[in-house]
Amino acid sequence: MGLAKELRDEKIREKKNLIVETVFSSNEKLEFMKNTKEYDVNLIFIGTDNVEINASRISQRVAMGGHSVPIEKIKPRYLRFIENLILAFKENLCHKLFIIDNSSDSNPYKPYFYFENKNLVWMNKELSIQNFKIQKSYESVPDWILIIGDALIELSNNIYLNENQLSSFTDQLNYPFGL
């Protein structure tokens, strides 16, 4: 067991507040969230529009002395963190959910959605909802925001999303890498 997991589990046993940072690409993180029912879980989800952006950021981090991630792991992790986000929302594992896009270097950390108890509370003014589908008012809105938004809107109105529907949302994401 890693030190971070030990410390996290200790805080849960002691019923203490904690903050956890994760790539959110493993099922272990969903299991951890299931064990936090007595907590008010706020999930702040920061994502990018595609795998290529993530790979570029990793290269920048390595150039600055940070750790590397093998290129063949980037796409599967990207898919899993999108799926885990949708599953965490579907299974009511977070009380508040913030969706933030970090695709642009010139306009980083741009908020797009805020949900509370599976209810849409706030949405970026660059978006609208028509027939339960997210529409963008500006071309600069990343495609992943539309795809995630559609999944979350559907779940906020219908909690019976099945695995085929989940796959259909993640299949819509565009992956420029041949991974």
Foldseek 3Di string as FASTA:
>chain_A
DDPVVVVLVVCLVVVHDDDDDDLQQDCVVVVSLVSPVVDQAEAEAEEEQELVLVQVVQVVQVVVVHDHDPSVVSVSSNLRNLLSVLVCLLVVSHQKYWYFYQHDPVDGGHTAFIDGSLHTDDGPPQWDADPLFIDGNDPPDRPLCRLSSSSSSCCSVPSPQDPVNSVVSSVPRDYPDPD
